[in-house]
C-alpha atoms as a PDB file:
ATOM      1  CA  MET A   1     147.162 126.017  58.437  1.00  0.00           C
ATOM      2  CA  ARG A   2     143.806 124.615  59.606  1.00  0.00           C
ATOM      3  CA  GLN A   3     141.916 127.040  57.373  1.00  0.00           C
ATOM      4  CA  ASN A   4     143.979 125.927  54.363  1.00  0.00           C
ATOM      5  CA  ILE A   5     143.076 122.304  55.097  1.00  0.00           C
ATOM      6  CA  GLU A   6     139.377 123.170  55.270  1.00  0.00           C
ATOM      7  CA  ILE A   7     139.516 125.119  52.015  1.00  0.00           C
ATOM      8  CA  GLY A   8     141.406 122.288  50.317  1.00  0.00           C
ATOM      9  CA  TYR A   9     138.854 119.750  51.544  1.00  0.00           C
ATOM     10  CA  LEU A  10     135.935 121.770  50.208  1.00  0.00           C
ATOM     11  CA  ALA A  11     137.717 122.460  46.916  1.00  0.00           C
ATOM     12  CA  MET A  12     138.108 118.718  46.370  1.00  0.00           C
ATOM     13  CA  MET A  13     134.402 118.108  46.940  1.00  0.00           C
ATOM     14  CA  GLU A  14     133.367 119.286  43.491  1.00  0.00           C
ATOM     15  CA  LYS A  15     130.049 118.458  41.963  1.00  0.00           C
ATOM     16  CA  GLU A  16     130.125 115.433  39.769  1.00  0.00           C
ATOM     17  CA  SER A  17     126.923 114.258  38.229  1.00  0.00           C
ATOM     18  CA  LEU A  18     127.567 110.533  38.152  1.00  0.00           C
ATOM     19  CA  ALA A  19     125.126 110.173  35.280  1.00  0.00           C
ATOM     20  CA  ALA A  20     126.998 112.820  33.256  1.00  0.00           C
ATOM     21  CA  PRO A  21     130.671 112.827  34.302  1.00  0.00           C
ATOM     22  CA  GLU A  22     131.476 115.911  32.208  1.00  0.00           C
ATOM     23  CA  SER A  23     129.753 118.301  34.633  1.00  0.00           C
ATOM     24  CA  PHE A  24     132.330 119.211  37.282  1.00  0.00           C
ATOM     25  CA  THR A  25     131.097 122.774  37.461  1.00  0.00           C
ATOM     26  CA  GLN A  26     130.003 123.586  41.005  1.00  0.00           C
ATOM     27  CA  THR A  27     131.490 123.080  44.426  1.00  0.00           C
ATOM     28  CA  LEU A  28     129.805 121.147  47.216  1.00  0.00           C
ATOM     29  CA  LEU A  29     128.224 123.923  49.185  1.00  0.00           C
ATOM     30  CA  GLN A  30     127.029 126.375  46.541  1.00  0.00           C
ATOM     31  CA  PRO A  31     123.850 124.540  45.553  1.00  0.00           C
ATOM     32  CA  CYS A  32     123.034 123.342  49.071  1.00  0.00           C
ATOM     33  CA  GLN A  33     120.442 126.052  49.492  1.00  0.00           C
ATOM     34  CA  ARG A  34     116.820 126.316  48.507  1.00  0.00           C
ATOM     35  CA  ARG A  35     114.569 129.255  47.824  1.00  0.00           C
ATOM     36  CA  ASP A  36     111.722 129.561  50.314  1.00  0.00           C
ATOM     37  CA  ARG A  37     108.898 130.903  48.165  1.00  0.00           C
ATOM     38  CA  SER A  38     106.380 130.867  51.015  1.00  0.00           C
ATOM     39  CA  ALA A  39     107.902 134.008  52.540  1.00  0.00           C
ATOM     40  CA  SER A  40     106.784 137.451  51.358  1.00  0.00           C
ATOM     41  CA  CYS A  41     110.209 138.061  49.874  1.00  0.00           C
ATOM     42  CA  GLU A  42     112.589 135.413  48.545  1.00  0.00           C
ATOM     43  CA  THR A  43     114.995 134.241  51.206  1.00  0.00           C
ATOM     44  CA  ILE A  44     117.626 131.554  51.041  1.00  0.00           C
ATOM     45  CA  THR A  45     117.216 128.881  53.694  1.00  0.00           C
ATOM     46  CA  PRO A  46     120.117 126.524  54.397  1.00  0.00           C
ATOM     47  CA  PRO A  47     119.303 122.821  54.273  1.00  0.00           C
ATOM     48  CA  GLN A  48     119.293 120.384  57.166  1.00  0.00           C
ATOM     49  CA  ILE A  49     122.216 117.979  56.734  1.00  0.00           C
ATOM     50  CA  ALA A  50     122.493 114.528  58.339  1.00  0.00           C
ATOM     51  CA  ILE A  51     126.114 113.372  58.604  1.00  0.00           C
ATOM     52  CA  PHE A  52     126.158 109.591  59.006  1.00  0.00           C
ATOM     53  CA  SER A  53     129.164 107.639  60.331  1.00  0.00           C
ATOM     54  CA  PHE A  54     130.260 110.778  62.147  1.00  0.00           C
ATOM     55  CA  ALA A  55     133.660 110.379  63.839  1.00  0.00           C
ATOM     56  CA  HIS A  56     135.745 112.689  66.021  1.00  0.00           C
ATOM     57  CA  TYR A  57     137.950 113.714  63.076  1.00  0.00           C
ATOM     58  CA  ASP A  58     134.878 114.942  61.180  1.00  0.00           C
ATOM     59  CA  GLY A  59     134.357 117.414  63.997  1.00  0.00           C
ATOM     60  CA  GLN A  60     137.782 118.927  63.409  1.00  0.00           C
ATOM     61  CA  CYS A  61     137.410 119.906  59.756  1.00  0.00           C
ATOM     62  CA  LEU A  62     134.077 118.996  58.202  1.00  0.00           C
ATOM     63  CA  VAL A  63     131.763 120.470  60.834  1.00  0.00           C
ATOM     64  CA  PRO A  64     133.478 123.879  61.036  1.00  0.00           C
ATOM     65  CA  ALA A  65     133.518 124.134  57.239  1.00  0.00           C
ATOM     66  CA  LEU A  66     129.844 123.205  56.880  1.00  0.00           C
ATOM     67  CA  SER A  67     128.816 125.327  59.880  1.00  0.00           C
ATOM     68  CA  ALA A  68     130.214 128.399  58.193  1.00  0.00           C
ATOM     69  CA  HIS A  69     127.747 127.876  55.343  1.00  0.00           C
ATOM     70  CA  VAL A  70     124.649 126.359  56.923  1.00  0.00           C
ATOM     71  CA  GLY A  71     125.064 126.930  60.687  1.00  0.00           C
ATOM     72  CA  THR A  72     125.564 124.286  63.367  1.00  0.00           C
ATOM     73  CA  GLU A  73     121.833 124.185  64.076  1.00  0.00           C
ATOM     74  CA  ASN A  74     121.312 122.671  60.608  1.00  0.00           C
ATOM     75  CA  LEU A  75     123.733 119.771  61.140  1.00  0.00           C
ATOM     76  CA  LYS A  76     122.768 116.366  62.533  1.00  0.00           C
ATOM     77  CA  CYS A  77     125.995 114.560  63.439  1.00  0.00           C
ATOM     78  CA  LEU A  78     125.102 110.865  63.688  1.00  0.00           C
ATOM     79  CA  PRO A  79     127.741 108.359  64.849  1.00  0.00           C
ATOM     80  CA  VAL A  80     125.785 105.469  63.281  1.00  0.00           C
ATOM     81  CA  ARG A  81     126.069 104.017  59.801  1.00  0.00           C
ATOM     82  CA  LEU A  82     123.274 104.581  57.316  1.00  0.00           C
ATOM     83  CA  SER A  83     121.243 101.428  56.769  1.00  0.00           C
ATOM     84  CA  GLU A  84     117.620 100.334  56.576  1.00  0.00           C
ATOM     85  CA  GLU A  85     117.494 100.431  60.374  1.00  0.00           C
ATOM     86  CA  THR A  86     118.873 103.985  60.698  1.00  0.00           C
ATOM     87  CA  VAL A  87     117.453 105.715  57.614  1.00  0.00           C
ATOM     88  CA  GLU A  88     114.662 107.349  59.671  1.00  0.00           C
ATOM     89  CA  LEU A  89     117.317 109.486  61.389  1.00  0.00           C
ATOM     90  CA  ALA A  90     117.473 111.520  58.153  1.00  0.00           C
ATOM     91  CA  ASN A  91     113.860 112.638  58.617  1.00  0.00           C
ATOM     92  CA  GLY A  92     113.623 116.387  58.115  1.00  0.00           C
ATOM     93  CA  CYS A  93     116.928 116.623  56.235  1.00  0.00           C
ATOM     94  CA  GLU A  94     117.341 117.594  52.594  1.00  0.00           C
ATOM     95  CA  VAL A  95     120.931 116.360  52.458  1.00  0.00           C
ATOM     96  CA  VAL A  96     122.685 113.278  53.802  1.00  0.00           C
ATOM     97  CA  CYS A  97     126.450 112.963  53.987  1.00  0.00           C
ATOM     98  CA  LEU A  98     127.763 109.390  53.834  1.00  0.00           C
ATOM     99  CA  PHE A  99     131.052 107.601  54.359  1.00  0.00           C
ATOM    100  CA  VAL A 100     132.360 104.389  52.773  1.00  0.00           C
ATOM    101  CA  ASN A 101     130.617 101.923  55.119  1.00  0.00           C
ATOM    102  CA  ASP A 102     127.178 103.508  54.875  1.00  0.00           C
ATOM    103  CA  ILE A 103     124.718 101.479  52.815  1.00  0.00           C
ATOM    104  CA  ALA A 104     122.598 103.285  50.257  1.00  0.00           C
ATOM    105  CA  ASP A 105     121.056 100.374  48.375  1.00  0.00           C
ATOM    106  CA  GLU A 106     117.715 100.575  46.568  1.00  0.00           C
ATOM    107  CA  ARG A 107     115.593 100.288  49.726  1.00  0.00           C
ATOM    108  CA  VAL A 108     117.597 102.934  51.583  1.00  0.00           C
ATOM    109  CA  VAL A 109     117.678 105.319  48.601  1.00  0.00           C
ATOM    110  CA  ASN A 110     113.911 104.983  48.192  1.00  0.00           C
ATOM    111  CA  ALA A 111     113.403 105.605  51.910  1.00  0.00           C
ATOM    112  CA  LEU A 112     115.650 108.681  51.762  1.00  0.00           C
ATOM    113  CA  ALA A 113     113.689 110.070  48.811  1.00  0.00           C
ATOM    114  CA  ASP A 114     110.403 109.381  50.633  1.00  0.00           C
ATOM    115  CA  LEU A 115     111.752 111.347  53.622  1.00  0.00           C
ATOM    116  CA  GLY A 116     112.397 114.356  51.379  1.00  0.00           C
ATOM    117  CA  VAL A 117     116.158 113.996  50.940  1.00  0.00           C
ATOM    118  CA  LYS A 118     117.307 115.728  47.748  1.00  0.00           C
ATOM    119  CA  SER A 119     121.090 115.179  47.802  1.00  0.00           C
ATOM    120  CA  ILE A 120     123.540 112.483  48.857  1.00  0.00           C
ATOM    121  CA  LEU A 121     127.064 113.703  49.551  1.00  0.00           C
ATOM    122  CA  LEU A 122     129.818 111.109  49.727  1.00  0.00           C
ATOM    123  CA  ARG A 123     132.927 111.636  51.837  1.00  0.00           C
ATOM    124  CA  SER A 124     134.775 109.225  49.567  1.00  0.00           C
ATOM    125  CA  THR A 125     135.919 108.795  46.007  1.00  0.00           C
ATOM    126  CA  GLY A 126     134.132 105.473  45.596  1.00  0.00           C
ATOM    127  CA  PHE A 127     130.397 105.207  45.124  1.00  0.00           C
ATOM    128  CA  ASN A 128     129.878 101.441  44.894  1.00  0.00           C
ATOM    129  CA  HIS A 129     127.816 101.547  48.120  1.00  0.00           C
ATOM    130  CA  VAL A 130     125.143 103.739  46.484  1.00  0.00           C
ATOM    131  CA  ASP A 131     122.475 102.510  44.075  1.00  0.00           C
ATOM    132  CA  LEU A 132     123.065 105.152  41.391  1.00  0.00           C
ATOM    133  CA  GLU A 133     120.298 103.930  39.107  1.00  0.00           C
ATOM    134  CA  CYS A 134     117.679 104.150  41.837  1.00  0.00           C
ATOM    135  CA  ALA A 135     118.989 107.555  42.947  1.00  0.00           C
ATOM    136  CA  ALA A 136     118.729 108.860  39.382  1.00  0.00           C
ATOM    137  CA  LYS A 137     115.168 107.536  39.036  1.00  0.00           C
ATOM    138  CA  ARG A 138     114.211 109.268  42.295  1.00  0.00           C
ATOM    139  CA  GLY A 139     115.887 112.527  41.248  1.00  0.00           C
ATOM    140  CA  LEU A 140     118.543 112.533  43.961  1.00  0.00           C
ATOM    141  CA  ASP A 141     121.659 114.621  43.377  1.00  0.00           C
ATOM    142  CA  ILE A 142     124.818 112.621  44.156  1.00  0.00           C
ATOM    143  CA  ARG A 143     128.177 114.245  44.837  1.00  0.00           C
ATOM    144  CA  ARG A 144     131.503 112.751  45.770  1.00  0.00           C
ATOM    145  CA  VAL A 145     135.147 113.607  46.267  1.00  0.00           C
ATOM    146  CA  PRO A 146     136.500 113.083  42.740  1.00  0.00           C
ATOM    147  CA  VAL A 147     140.144 112.971  43.838  1.00  0.00           C
ATOM    148  CA  TYR A 148     141.513 111.924  47.204  1.00  0.00           C
ATOM    149  CA  SER A 149     145.062 112.248  48.423  1.00  0.00           C
ATOM    150  CA  PRO A 150     147.011 109.636  46.454  1.00  0.00           C
ATOM    151  CA  TYR A 151     150.039 110.529  48.582  1.00  0.00           C
ATOM    152  CA  ALA A 152     148.234 109.437  51.752  1.00  0.00           C
ATOM    153  CA  VAL A 153     147.398 106.084  50.175  1.00  0.00           C
ATOM    154  CA  ALA A 154     150.994 105.568  49.031  1.00  0.00           C
ATOM    155  CA  GLU A 155     152.371 106.620  52.434  1.00  0.00           C
ATOM    156  CA  MET A 156     150.051 104.195  54.189  1.00  0.00           C
ATOM    157  CA  ALA A 157     151.136 101.361  51.887  1.00  0.00           C
ATOM    158  CA  VAL A 158     154.817 102.105  52.572  1.00  0.00           C
ATOM    159  CA  GLY A 159     154.110 102.299  56.304  1.00  0.00           C
ATOM    160  CA  LEU A 160     152.373  98.928  56.251  1.00  0.00           C
ATOM    161  CA  LEU A 161     155.260  97.414  54.288  1.00  0.00           C
ATOM    162  CA  LEU A 162     157.782  98.779  56.790  1.00  0.00           C
ATOM    163  CA  SER A 163     155.710  97.364  59.639  1.00  0.00           C
ATOM    164  CA  LEU A 164     155.624  93.966  57.941  1.00  0.00           C
ATOM    165  CA  VAL A 165     159.404  94.034  57.366  1.00  0.00           C
ATOM    166  CA  ARG A 166     160.030  94.980  60.993  1.00  0.00           C
ATOM    167  CA  GLU A 167     157.834  92.132  62.237  1.00  0.00           C
ATOM    168  CA  SER A 168     159.585  89.697  59.874  1.00  0.00           C
ATOM    169  CA  GLU A 169     163.031  90.764  61.134  1.00  0.00           C
ATOM    170  CA  GLU A 170     161.961  90.403  64.779  1.00  0.00           C
ATOM    171  CA  GLU A 171     160.684  86.892  64.122  1.00  0.00           C
ATOM    172  CA  GLY A 172     163.910  85.882  62.332  1.00  0.00           C
ATOM    173  CA  PHE A 173     162.629  85.519  58.784  1.00  0.00           C
END
């Protein structure tokens, strides 16, 4: 069951070039490798990935899935939000993985590019917290989850409504 969840999660994280929405061609982890041309023969070296806003639930699914492709030694699990104050934590990483409350405005995107970051992966469907224009100018690859469980959103809404009704009945409304 757990393996099916991991596979489903990775399948949802398809590549979407936000500048050209028609290119949904590759999955998240396939291009997250670079060719090291300094070696005598071509080898593929996995990237360093900084996961911002890391929470305990990320350790249950995301980390095992990524570890299988890049190794745990290439993951930086950071429990802090990305901001101007924390952007330096991505030093040495080619990829940053962000959540909805991480801030990737123009200053942060420029700082990430200056640190050598090549890709921004979003663990969300929304991308309003990322300066897409600046990222495009700096050549950063942006990926997101194009579809996220609409059933979970609907179930949460129903749960909240039931909670509200219960509270109203207890208070005599």
